[in-house]
């Protein structure tokens, strides 16, 4: 059974799992989890909208 995208109103098949804290800044999500599933279209949008934050997180390592 395929996982479904966790963005409200989307029924796409899950493409990638991402941290929920960053995804919440871009989308409204169905559930309150630590990781969320995103379809390919929402994953692309997520990457575009969280690029700076993800780069900053890498620098903190």
C-alpha atoms as a PDB file:
ATOM      1  CA  UNK A   1       0.000   0.000   0.000  1.00  0.00           C
ATOM      2  CA  UNK A   2       1.383   3.380  -1.024  1.00  0.00           C
ATOM      3  CA  UNK A   3       1.523   6.262   1.420  1.00  0.00           C
ATOM      4  CA  UNK A   4      -0.499   9.386   0.607  1.00  0.00           C
ATOM      5  CA  UNK A   5       0.753  12.990   0.633  1.00  0.00           C
ATOM      6  CA  UNK A   6       0.135  14.639   4.042  1.00  0.00           C
ATOM      7  CA  UNK A   7      -0.761  18.086   2.632  1.00  0.00           C
ATOM      8  CA  UNK A   8      -4.419  19.001   3.221  1.00  0.00           C
ATOM      9  CA  UNK A   9      -6.470  18.409   0.073  1.00  0.00           C
ATOM     10  CA  UNK A  10      -3.828  16.361  -1.759  1.00  0.00           C
ATOM     11  CA  UNK A  11      -4.326  12.685  -2.594  1.00  0.00           C
ATOM     12  CA  UNK A  12      -1.020  12.174  -4.445  1.00  0.00           C
ATOM     13  CA  UNK A  13       1.238   9.185  -3.802  1.00  0.00           C
ATOM     14  CA  UNK A  14       4.110   9.883  -1.405  1.00  0.00           C
ATOM     15  CA  UNK A  15       7.425  10.649  -3.132  1.00  0.00           C
ATOM     16  CA  UNK A  16       9.625  11.792  -0.221  1.00  0.00           C
ATOM     17  CA  UNK A  17       9.539  12.041   3.579  1.00  0.00           C
ATOM     18  CA  UNK A  18      10.656  15.339   5.142  1.00  0.00           C
ATOM     19  CA  UNK A  19      10.822  16.876   8.659  1.00  0.00           C
ATOM     20  CA  UNK A  20       7.417  18.210   9.681  1.00  0.00           C
ATOM     21  CA  UNK A  21       8.731  21.395  11.323  1.00  0.00           C
ATOM     22  CA  UNK A  22       9.970  22.735   7.972  1.00  0.00           C
ATOM     23  CA  UNK A  23       6.994  21.418   5.999  1.00  0.00           C
ATOM     24  CA  UNK A  24       4.561  23.200   8.373  1.00  0.00           C
ATOM     25  CA  UNK A  25       6.095  26.532   7.357  1.00  0.00           C
ATOM     26  CA  UNK A  26       5.109  25.884   3.725  1.00  0.00           C
ATOM     27  CA  UNK A  27       1.912  23.765   3.887  1.00  0.00           C
ATOM     28  CA  UNK A  28      -1.035  23.043   6.153  1.00  0.00           C
ATOM     29  CA  UNK A  29      -0.768  19.373   7.067  1.00  0.00           C
ATOM     30  CA  UNK A  30      -3.372  16.703   7.876  1.00  0.00           C
ATOM     31  CA  UNK A  31      -1.685  15.322  11.014  1.00  0.00           C
ATOM     32  CA  UNK A  32       0.710  16.503  13.696  1.00  0.00           C
ATOM     33  CA  UNK A  33       3.736  14.231  13.154  1.00  0.00           C
ATOM     34  CA  UNK A  34       7.523  14.598  13.262  1.00  0.00           C
ATOM     35  CA  UNK A  35       7.934  13.506   9.623  1.00  0.00           C
ATOM     36  CA  UNK A  36       5.516  13.963   6.740  1.00  0.00           C
ATOM     37  CA  UNK A  37       5.072  12.390   3.328  1.00  0.00           C
ATOM     38  CA  UNK A  38       4.992  14.677   0.284  1.00  0.00           C
ATOM     39  CA  UNK A  39       4.029  13.929  -3.315  1.00  0.00           C
ATOM     40  CA  UNK A  40       6.467  14.885  -6.065  1.00  0.00           C
ATOM     41  CA  UNK A  41       4.803  18.265  -6.775  1.00  0.00           C
ATOM     42  CA  UNK A  42       4.658  19.296  -3.098  1.00  0.00           C
ATOM     43  CA  UNK A  43       8.238  18.079  -2.522  1.00  0.00           C
ATOM     44  CA  UNK A  44       9.456  20.343  -5.328  1.00  0.00           C
ATOM     45  CA  UNK A  45       7.581  23.293  -3.792  1.00  0.00           C
ATOM     46  CA  UNK A  46       8.944  22.383  -0.324  1.00  0.00           C
ATOM     47  CA  UNK A  47      12.526  22.375  -1.610  1.00  0.00           C
ATOM     48  CA  UNK A  48      12.076  25.747  -3.299  1.00  0.00           C
ATOM     49  CA  UNK A  49      10.505  27.416  -0.237  1.00  0.00           C
ATOM     50  CA  UNK A  50      12.856  26.009   2.434  1.00  0.00           C
ATOM     51  CA  UNK A  51      16.187  26.232   0.602  1.00  0.00           C
ATOM     52  CA  UNK A  52      17.708  28.936   2.850  1.00  0.00           C
ATOM     53  CA  UNK A  53      16.617  27.227   6.070  1.00  0.00           C
ATOM     54  CA  UNK A  54      17.966  23.855   4.955  1.00  0.00           C
ATOM     55  CA  UNK A  55      21.308  25.457   3.998  1.00  0.00           C
ATOM     56  CA  UNK A  56      21.498  27.142   7.424  1.00  0.00           C
ATOM     57  CA  UNK A  57      20.788  23.806   9.134  1.00  0.00           C
ATOM     58  CA  UNK A  58      23.686  22.220   7.247  1.00  0.00           C
ATOM     59  CA  UNK A  59      26.028  25.011   8.379  1.00  0.00           C
ATOM     60  CA  UNK A  60      25.070  24.393  12.028  1.00  0.00           C
ATOM     61  CA  UNK A  61      26.535  20.888  11.841  1.00  0.00           C
END
